[in-house]
Amino acid sequence: MKQQKYEEARELLLLEAKLVRLRIEAENLKLRKAEESKTRQGNQLIKLADVAYQLSQTRLLSQRALFSTSRRRHWIWLLLAVILGLSR
């Protein structure tokens, strides 16, 4: 009888130890996932900021190009109008 109680107590302690290890492992996994999520979110914000900067640069460059092109066209049409006497 003593031997059986001893075996049951031993088995119970082993199961409790296994449960504690599993809880620790689950908590470590949870912390690791949270850290990876923060890192991923930070990387996404950096990528978004980089894309926004590139877009703003591209937009500014294209606006400058369009502005200078339309300005050139304006002056060309004005010059043609003056040469042809169409201007008042």
PDB file of N, CA and C in Angstrom:
ATOM      1  N   MET A   1       0.813  -1.189   0.000  1.00  0.00           N
ATOM      2  CA  MET A   1       0.000   0.000   0.000  1.00  0.00           C
ATOM      3  C   MET A   1       0.862   1.261   0.000  1.00  0.00           C
ATOM      4  N   LYS A   2       1.901   1.231   0.848  1.00  0.00           N
ATOM      5  CA  LYS A   2       2.808   2.366   0.876  1.00  0.00           C
ATOM      6  C   LYS A   2       3.476   2.571  -0.480  1.00  0.00           C
ATOM      7  N   GLN A   3       3.858   1.488  -1.087  1.00  0.00           N
ATOM      8  CA  GLN A   3       4.522   1.549  -2.398  1.00  0.00           C
ATOM      9  C   GLN A   3       3.592   2.165  -3.438  1.00  0.00           C
ATOM     10  N   GLN A   4       2.316   1.809  -3.415  1.00  0.00           N
ATOM     11  CA  GLN A   4       1.351   2.331  -4.383  1.00  0.00           C
ATOM     12  C   GLN A   4       1.149   3.833  -4.165  1.00  0.00           C
ATOM     13  N   LYS A   5       1.035   4.282  -2.902  1.00  0.00           N
ATOM     14  CA  LYS A   5       0.890   5.708  -2.603  1.00  0.00           C
ATOM     15  C   LYS A   5       2.133   6.464  -3.060  1.00  0.00           C
ATOM     16  N   TYR A   6       3.280   5.856  -2.826  1.00  0.00           N
ATOM     17  CA  TYR A   6       4.540   6.471  -3.234  1.00  0.00           C
ATOM     18  C   TYR A   6       4.561   6.645  -4.758  1.00  0.00           C
ATOM     19  N   GLU A   7       4.158   5.639  -5.504  1.00  0.00           N
ATOM     20  CA  GLU A   7       4.142   5.697  -6.972  1.00  0.00           C
ATOM     21  C   GLU A   7       3.147   6.750  -7.457  1.00  0.00           C
ATOM     22  N   GLU A   8       1.979   6.805  -6.812  1.00  0.00           N
ATOM     23  CA  GLU A   8       0.971   7.790  -7.210  1.00  0.00           C
ATOM     24  C   GLU A   8       1.465   9.212  -6.942  1.00  0.00           C
ATOM     25  N   ALA A   9       2.069   9.402  -5.778  1.00  0.00           N
ATOM     26  CA  ALA A   9       2.606  10.725  -5.436  1.00  0.00           C
ATOM     27  C   ALA A   9       3.715  11.105  -6.409  1.00  0.00           C
ATOM     28  N   ARG A  10       4.558  10.148  -6.746  1.00  0.00           N
ATOM     29  CA  ARG A  10       5.654  10.398  -7.700  1.00  0.00           C
ATOM     30  C   ARG A  10       5.092  10.777  -9.066  1.00  0.00           C
ATOM     31  N   GLU A  11       4.084  10.022  -9.510  1.00  0.00           N
ATOM     32  CA  GLU A  11       3.473  10.284 -10.810  1.00  0.00           C
ATOM     33  C   GLU A  11       2.806  11.671 -10.814  1.00  0.00           C
ATOM     34  N   LEU A  12       2.140  12.002  -9.711  1.00  0.00           N
ATOM     35  CA  LEU A  12       1.497  13.309  -9.581  1.00  0.00           C
ATOM     36  C   LEU A  12       2.533  14.435  -9.637  1.00  0.00           C
ATOM     37  N   LEU A  13       3.624  14.278  -8.949  1.00  0.00           N
ATOM     38  CA  LEU A  13       4.692  15.295  -8.980  1.00  0.00           C
ATOM     39  C   LEU A  13       5.283  15.442 -10.377  1.00  0.00           C
ATOM     40  N   LEU A  14       5.472  14.306 -11.062  1.00  0.00           N
ATOM     41  CA  LEU A  14       5.991  14.367 -12.430  1.00  0.00           C
ATOM     42  C   LEU A  14       5.026  15.108 -13.363  1.00  0.00           C
ATOM     43  N   LEU A  15       3.726  14.829 -13.197  1.00  0.00           N
ATOM     44  CA  LEU A  15       2.722  15.509 -14.020  1.00  0.00           C
ATOM     45  C   LEU A  15       2.671  17.015 -13.707  1.00  0.00           C
ATOM     46  N   GLU A  16       2.775  17.367 -12.428  1.00  0.00           N
ATOM     47  CA  GLU A  16       2.792  18.782 -12.041  1.00  0.00           C
ATOM     48  C   GLU A  16       4.024  19.488 -12.606  1.00  0.00           C
ATOM     49  N   ALA A  17       5.161  18.820 -12.561  1.00  0.00           N
ATOM     50  CA  ALA A  17       6.389  19.401 -13.120  1.00  0.00           C
ATOM     51  C   ALA A  17       6.245  19.601 -14.627  1.00  0.00           C
ATOM     52  N   LYS A  18       5.629  18.619 -15.285  1.00  0.00           N
ATOM     53  CA  LYS A  18       5.418  18.730 -16.727  1.00  0.00           C
ATOM     54  C   LYS A  18       4.472  19.893 -17.040  1.00  0.00           C
ATOM     55  N   LEU A  19       3.440  20.048 -16.209  1.00  0.00           N
ATOM     56  CA  LEU A  19       2.496  21.146 -16.385  1.00  0.00           C
ATOM     57  C   LEU A  19       3.187  22.498 -16.215  1.00  0.00           C
ATOM     58  N   VAL A  20       4.049  22.608 -15.225  1.00  0.00           N
ATOM     59  CA  VAL A  20       4.794  23.858 -15.000  1.00  0.00           C
ATOM     60  C   VAL A  20       5.693  24.156 -16.193  1.00  0.00           C
ATOM     61  N   ARG A  21       6.386  23.137 -16.708  1.00  0.00           N
ATOM     62  CA  ARG A  21       7.245  23.337 -17.892  1.00  0.00           C
ATOM     63  C   ARG A  21       6.429  23.809 -19.091  1.00  0.00           C
ATOM     64  N   LEU A  22       5.250  23.197 -19.277  1.00  0.00           N
ATOM     65  CA  LEU A  22       4.391  23.592 -20.396  1.00  0.00           C
ATOM     66  C   LEU A  22       3.893  25.030 -20.241  1.00  0.00           C
ATOM     67  N   ARG A  23       3.547  25.419 -19.013  1.00  0.00           N
ATOM     68  CA  ARG A  23       3.115  26.803 -18.777  1.00  0.00           C
ATOM     69  C   ARG A  23       4.249  27.787 -19.063  1.00  0.00           C
ATOM     70  N   ILE A  24       5.440  27.449 -18.632  1.00  0.00           N
ATOM     71  CA  ILE A  24       6.603  28.314 -18.885  1.00  0.00           C
ATOM     72  C   ILE A  24       6.862  28.416 -20.382  1.00  0.00           C
ATOM     73  N   GLU A  25       6.812  27.290 -21.061  1.00  0.00           N
ATOM     74  CA  GLU A  25       7.025  27.280 -22.509  1.00  0.00           C
ATOM     75  C   GLU A  25       5.957  28.107 -23.228  1.00  0.00           C
ATOM     76  N   ALA A  26       4.695  27.987 -22.779  1.00  0.00           N
ATOM     77  CA  ALA A  26       3.607  28.755 -23.389  1.00  0.00           C
ATOM     78  C   ALA A  26       3.813  30.250 -23.167  1.00  0.00           C
ATOM     79  N   GLU A  27       4.237  30.628 -21.974  1.00  0.00           N
ATOM     80  CA  GLU A  27       4.483  32.040 -21.676  1.00  0.00           C
ATOM     81  C   GLU A  27       5.648  32.582 -22.509  1.00  0.00           C
ATOM     82  N   ASN A  28       6.704  31.793 -22.645  1.00  0.00           N
ATOM     83  CA  ASN A  28       7.836  32.209 -23.479  1.00  0.00           C
ATOM     84  C   ASN A  28       7.415  32.377 -24.932  1.00  0.00           C
ATOM     85  N   LEU A  29       6.600  31.464 -25.414  1.00  0.00           N
ATOM     86  CA  LEU A  29       6.101  31.552 -26.785  1.00  0.00           C
ATOM     87  C   LEU A  29       5.244  32.804 -26.968  1.00  0.00           C
ATOM     88  N   LYS A  30       4.401  33.078 -25.981  1.00  0.00           N
ATOM     89  CA  LYS A  30       3.547  34.267 -26.024  1.00  0.00           C
ATOM     90  C   LYS A  30       4.397  35.539 -26.058  1.00  0.00           C
ATOM     91  N   LEU A  31       5.418  35.599 -25.213  1.00  0.00           N
ATOM     92  CA  LEU A  31       6.304  36.767 -25.191  1.00  0.00           C
ATOM     93  C   LEU A  31       7.062  36.918 -26.509  1.00  0.00           C
ATOM     94  N   ARG A  32       7.528  35.804 -27.054  1.00  0.00           N
ATOM     95  CA  ARG A  32       8.266  35.838 -28.314  1.00  0.00           C
ATOM     96  C   ARG A  32       7.373  36.340 -29.454  1.00  0.00           C
ATOM     97  N   LYS A  33       6.127  35.869 -29.484  1.00  0.00           N
ATOM     98  CA  LYS A  33       5.192  36.313 -30.521  1.00  0.00           C
ATOM     99  C   LYS A  33       4.903  37.803 -30.388  1.00  0.00           C
ATOM    100  N   ALA A  34       4.735  38.270 -29.152  1.00  0.00           N
ATOM    101  CA  ALA A  34       4.480  39.697 -28.931  1.00  0.00           C
ATOM    102  C   ALA A  34       5.668  40.534 -29.391  1.00  0.00           C
ATOM    103  N   GLU A  35       6.877  40.064 -29.102  1.00  0.00           N
ATOM    104  CA  GLU A  35       8.086  40.774 -29.521  1.00  0.00           C
ATOM    105  C   GLU A  35       8.211  40.796 -31.043  1.00  0.00           C
ATOM    106  N   GLU A  36       7.943  39.662 -31.681  1.00  0.00           N
ATOM    107  CA  GLU A  36       7.996  39.594 -33.146  1.00  0.00           C
ATOM    108  C   GLU A  36       6.944  40.510 -33.765  1.00  0.00           C
ATOM    109  N   SER A  37       5.769  40.572 -33.137  1.00  0.00           N
ATOM    110  CA  SER A  37       4.704  41.437 -33.639  1.00  0.00           C
ATOM    111  C   SER A  37       5.118  42.901 -33.557  1.00  0.00           C
ATOM    112  N   LYS A  38       5.741  43.291 -32.442  1.00  0.00           N
ATOM    113  CA  LYS A  38       6.217  44.666 -32.299  1.00  0.00           C
ATOM    114  C   LYS A  38       7.282  44.968 -33.338  1.00  0.00           C
ATOM    115  N   THR A  39       8.197  44.032 -33.536  1.00  0.00           N
ATOM    116  CA  THR A  39       9.258  44.225 -34.522  1.00  0.00           C
ATOM    117  C   THR A  39       8.669  44.337 -35.919  1.00  0.00           C
ATOM    118  N   ARG A  40       7.743  43.464 -36.235  1.00  0.00           N
ATOM    119  CA  ARG A  40       7.091  43.476 -37.551  1.00  0.00           C
ATOM    120  C   ARG A  40       6.340  44.788 -37.755  1.00  0.00           C
ATOM    121  N   GLN A  41       5.631  45.226 -36.712  1.00  0.00           N
ATOM    122  CA  GLN A  41       4.877  46.471 -36.812  1.00  0.00           C
ATOM    123  C   GLN A  41       5.828  47.651 -37.001  1.00  0.00           C
ATOM    124  N   GLY A  42       6.948  47.639 -36.291  1.00  0.00           N
ATOM    125  CA  GLY A  42       7.941  48.700 -36.459  1.00  0.00           C
ATOM    126  C   GLY A  42       8.518  48.694 -37.858  1.00  0.00           C
ATOM    127  N   ASN A  43       8.804  47.500 -38.385  1.00  0.00           N
ATOM    128  CA  ASN A  43       9.328  47.396 -39.744  1.00  0.00           C
ATOM    129  C   ASN A  43       8.309  47.886 -40.758  1.00  0.00           C
ATOM    130  N   GLN A  44       7.030  47.573 -40.536  1.00  0.00           N
ATOM    131  CA  GLN A  44       5.987  48.020 -41.458  1.00  0.00           C
ATOM    132  C   GLN A  44       5.861  49.533 -41.435  1.00  0.00           C
ATOM    133  N   LEU A  45       5.994  50.130 -40.245  1.00  0.00           N
ATOM    134  CA  LEU A  45       5.929  51.588 -40.163  1.00  0.00           C
ATOM    135  C   LEU A  45       7.101  52.232 -40.889  1.00  0.00           C
ATOM    136  N   ILE A  46       8.277  51.628 -40.761  1.00  0.00           N
ATOM    137  CA  ILE A  46       9.450  52.153 -41.458  1.00  0.00           C
ATOM    138  C   ILE A  46       9.262  52.027 -42.962  1.00  0.00           C
ATOM    139  N   LYS A  47       8.752  50.877 -43.417  1.00  0.00           N
ATOM    140  CA  LYS A  47       8.504  50.689 -44.845  1.00  0.00           C
ATOM    141  C   LYS A  47       7.465  51.678 -45.347  1.00  0.00           C
ATOM    142  N   LEU A  48       6.411  51.890 -44.559  1.00  0.00           N
ATOM    143  CA  LEU A  48       5.367  52.824 -44.949  1.00  0.00           C
ATOM    144  C   LEU A  48       5.921  54.243 -45.047  1.00  0.00           C
ATOM    145  N   ALA A  49       6.740  54.626 -44.091  1.00  0.00           N
ATOM    146  CA  ALA A  49       7.347  55.955 -44.128  1.00  0.00           C
ATOM    147  C   ALA A  49       8.260  56.092 -45.344  1.00  0.00           C
ATOM    148  N   ASP A  50       9.000  55.038 -45.656  1.00  0.00           N
ATOM    149  CA  ASP A  50       9.893  55.060 -46.808  1.00  0.00           C
ATOM    150  C   ASP A  50       9.097  55.185 -48.108  1.00  0.00           C
ATOM    151  N   VAL A  51       8.022  54.418 -48.218  1.00  0.00           N
ATOM    152  CA  VAL A  51       7.178  54.492 -49.421  1.00  0.00           C
ATOM    153  C   VAL A  51       6.552  55.879 -49.535  1.00  0.00           C
ATOM    154  N   ALA A  52       6.080  56.423 -48.406  1.00  0.00           N
ATOM    155  CA  ALA A  52       5.481  57.763 -48.421  1.00  0.00           C
ATOM    156  C   ALA A  52       6.512  58.799 -48.868  1.00  0.00           C
ATOM    157  N   TYR A  53       7.740  58.673 -48.377  1.00  0.00           N
ATOM    158  CA  TYR A  53       8.796  59.613 -48.779  1.00  0.00           C
ATOM    159  C   TYR A  53       9.079  59.480 -50.276  1.00  0.00           C
ATOM    160  N   GLN A  54       9.210  58.243 -50.754  1.00  0.00           N
ATOM    161  CA  GLN A  54       9.471  58.041 -52.179  1.00  0.00           C
ATOM    162  C   GLN A  54       8.319  58.572 -53.028  1.00  0.00           C
ATOM    163  N   LEU A  55       7.098  58.353 -52.566  1.00  0.00           N
ATOM    164  CA  LEU A  55       5.934  58.850 -53.293  1.00  0.00           C
ATOM    165  C   LEU A  55       5.935  60.373 -53.331  1.00  0.00           C
ATOM    166  N   SER A  56       6.251  60.987 -52.196  1.00  0.00           N
ATOM    167  CA  SER A  56       6.274  62.448 -52.176  1.00  0.00           C
ATOM    168  C   SER A  56       7.367  62.972 -53.099  1.00  0.00           C
ATOM    169  N   GLN A  57       8.509  62.309 -53.108  1.00  0.00           N
ATOM    170  CA  GLN A  57       9.587  62.742 -54.002  1.00  0.00           C
ATOM    171  C   GLN A  57       9.173  62.564 -55.459  1.00  0.00           C
ATOM    172  N   THR A  58       8.570  61.425 -55.767  1.00  0.00           N
ATOM    173  CA  THR A  58       8.131  61.161 -57.134  1.00  0.00           C
ATOM    174  C   THR A  58       7.060  62.161 -57.541  1.00  0.00           C
ATOM    175  N   ARG A  59       6.133  62.411 -56.621  1.00  0.00           N
ATOM    176  CA  ARG A  59       5.057  63.361 -56.918  1.00  0.00           C
ATOM    177  C   ARG A  59       5.636  64.762 -57.130  1.00  0.00           C
ATOM    178  N   LEU A  60       6.575  65.158 -56.272  1.00  0.00           N
ATOM    179  CA  LEU A  60       7.173  66.482 -56.434  1.00  0.00           C
ATOM    180  C   LEU A  60       7.922  66.583 -57.755  1.00  0.00           C
ATOM    181  N   LEU A  61       8.660  65.533 -58.083  1.00  0.00           N
ATOM    182  CA  LEU A  61       9.410  65.556 -59.339  1.00  0.00           C
ATOM    183  C   LEU A  61       8.470  65.588 -60.534  1.00  0.00           C
ATOM    184  N   SER A  62       7.399  64.796 -60.481  1.00  0.00           N
ATOM    185  CA  SER A  62       6.466  64.786 -61.610  1.00  0.00           C
ATOM    186  C   SER A  62       5.724  66.113 -61.703  1.00  0.00           C
ATOM    187  N   GLN A  63       5.390  66.715 -60.555  1.00  0.00           N
ATOM    188  CA  GLN A  63       4.743  68.019 -60.589  1.00  0.00           C
ATOM    189  C   GLN A  63       5.678  69.067 -61.175  1.00  0.00           C
ATOM    190  N   ARG A  64       6.929  69.016 -60.793  1.00  0.00           N
ATOM    191  CA  ARG A  64       7.900  69.959 -61.356  1.00  0.00           C
ATOM    192  C   ARG A  64       8.029  69.764 -62.857  1.00  0.00           C
ATOM    193  N   ALA A  65       8.092  68.503 -63.272  1.00  0.00           N
ATOM    194  CA  ALA A  65       8.222  68.215 -64.701  1.00  0.00           C
ATOM    195  C   ALA A  65       6.993  68.707 -65.456  1.00  0.00           C
ATOM    196  N   LEU A  66       5.807  68.439 -64.896  1.00  0.00           N
ATOM    197  CA  LEU A  66       4.588  68.881 -65.568  1.00  0.00           C
ATOM    198  C   LEU A  66       4.493  70.402 -65.581  1.00  0.00           C
ATOM    199  N   PHE A  67       4.874  71.010 -64.470  1.00  0.00           N
ATOM    200  CA  PHE A  67       4.811  72.464 -64.397  1.00  0.00           C
ATOM    201  C   PHE A  67       5.752  73.094 -65.413  1.00  0.00           C
ATOM    202  N   SER A  68       6.973  72.578 -65.474  1.00  0.00           N
ATOM    203  CA  SER A  68       7.916  73.153 -66.413  1.00  0.00           C
ATOM    204  C   SER A  68       7.496  72.876 -67.857  1.00  0.00           C
ATOM    205  N   THR A  69       6.911  71.717 -68.102  1.00  0.00           N
ATOM    206  CA  THR A  69       6.438  71.405 -69.452  1.00  0.00           C
ATOM    207  C   THR A  69       5.284  72.325 -69.824  1.00  0.00           C
ATOM    208  N   SER A  70       4.322  72.500 -68.923  1.00  0.00           N
ATOM    209  CA  SER A  70       3.191  73.360 -69.243  1.00  0.00           C
ATOM    210  C   SER A  70       3.641  74.809 -69.370  1.00  0.00           C
ATOM    211  N   ARG A  71       4.623  75.201 -68.563  1.00  0.00           N
ATOM    212  CA  ARG A  71       5.150  76.560 -68.664  1.00  0.00           C
ATOM    213  C   ARG A  71       5.817  76.758 -70.025  1.00  0.00           C
ATOM    214  N   ARG A  72       6.595  75.743 -70.449  1.00  0.00           N
ATOM    215  CA  ARG A  72       7.238  75.816 -71.768  1.00  0.00           C
ATOM    216  C   ARG A  72       6.190  75.919 -72.869  1.00  0.00           C
ATOM    217  N   ARG A  73       5.178  75.082 -72.759  1.00  0.00           N
ATOM    218  CA  ARG A  73       4.113  75.125 -73.771  1.00  0.00           C
ATOM    219  C   ARG A  73       3.442  76.492 -73.786  1.00  0.00           C
ATOM    220  N   HIS A  74       3.199  77.024 -72.598  1.00  0.00           N
ATOM    221  CA  HIS A  74       2.586  78.353 -72.517  1.00  0.00           C
ATOM    222  C   HIS A  74       3.430  79.396 -73.248  1.00  0.00           C
ATOM    223  N   TRP A  75       4.724  79.381 -72.984  1.00  0.00           N
ATOM    224  CA  TRP A  75       5.603  80.367 -73.623  1.00  0.00           C
ATOM    225  C   TRP A  75       5.706  80.141 -75.135  1.00  0.00           C
ATOM    226  N   ILE A  76       5.717  78.880 -75.529  1.00  0.00           N
ATOM    227  CA  ILE A  76       5.775  78.585 -76.978  1.00  0.00           C
ATOM    228  C   ILE A  76       4.516  79.106 -77.662  1.00  0.00           C
ATOM    229  N   TRP A  77       3.350  78.831 -77.068  1.00  0.00           N
ATOM    230  CA  TRP A  77       2.097  79.317 -77.674  1.00  0.00           C
ATOM    231  C   TRP A  77       2.038  80.848 -77.666  1.00  0.00           C
ATOM    232  N   LEU A  78       2.526  81.458 -76.601  1.00  0.00           N
ATOM    233  CA  LEU A  78       2.550  82.913 -76.527  1.00  0.00           C
ATOM    234  C   LEU A  78       3.474  83.490 -77.592  1.00  0.00           C
ATOM    235  N   LEU A  79       4.633  82.892 -77.755  1.00  0.00           N
ATOM    236  CA  LEU A  79       5.580  83.337 -78.766  1.00  0.00           C
ATOM    237  C   LEU A  79       4.997  83.177 -80.166  1.00  0.00           C
ATOM    238  N   LEU A  80       4.368  82.046 -80.439  1.00  0.00           N
ATOM    239  CA  LEU A  80       3.726  81.834 -81.736  1.00  0.00           C
ATOM    240  C   LEU A  80       2.606  82.841 -81.978  1.00  0.00           C
ATOM    241  N   ALA A  81       1.839  83.120 -80.930  1.00  0.00           N
ATOM    242  CA  ALA A  81       0.755  84.081 -81.071  1.00  0.00           C
ATOM    243  C   ALA A  81       1.293  85.462 -81.399  1.00  0.00           C
ATOM    244  N   VAL A  82       2.402  85.860 -80.746  1.00  0.00           N
ATOM    245  CA  VAL A  82       3.003  87.161 -81.020  1.00  0.00           C
ATOM    246  C   VAL A  82       3.560  87.185 -82.445  1.00  0.00           C
ATOM    247  N   ILE A  83       4.241  86.140 -82.832  1.00  0.00           N
ATOM    248  CA  ILE A  83       4.823  86.103 -84.183  1.00  0.00           C
ATOM    249  C   ILE A  83       3.743  86.132 -85.235  1.00  0.00           C
ATOM    250  N   LEU A  84       2.672  85.418 -85.025  1.00  0.00           N
ATOM    251  CA  LEU A  84       1.612  85.341 -86.016  1.00  0.00           C
ATOM    252  C   LEU A  84       0.640  86.525 -85.889  1.00  0.00           C
ATOM    253  N   GLY A  85       0.835  87.376 -84.887  1.00  0.00           N
ATOM    254  CA  GLY A  85      -0.020  88.539 -84.731  1.00  0.00           C
ATOM    255  C   GLY A  85      -1.379  88.190 -84.160  1.00  0.00           C
ATOM    256  N   LEU A  86      -1.472  87.083 -83.462  1.00  0.00           N
ATOM    257  CA  LEU A  86      -2.773  86.705 -82.893  1.00  0.00           C
ATOM    258  C   LEU A  86      -2.996  87.318 -81.520  1.00  0.00           C
ATOM    259  N   SER A  87      -1.946  87.837 -80.957  1.00  0.00           N
ATOM    260  CA  SER A  87      -2.056  88.400 -79.613  1.00  0.00           C
ATOM    261  C   SER A  87      -2.551  89.832 -79.693  1.00  0.00           C
ATOM    262  N   ARG A  88      -3.326  90.302 -78.771  1.00  0.00           N
ATOM    263  CA  ARG A  88      -3.830  91.676 -78.771  1.00  0.00           C
ATOM    264  C   ARG A  88      -2.930  92.592 -78.050  1.00  0.00           C
TER     265      ARG A  88
END
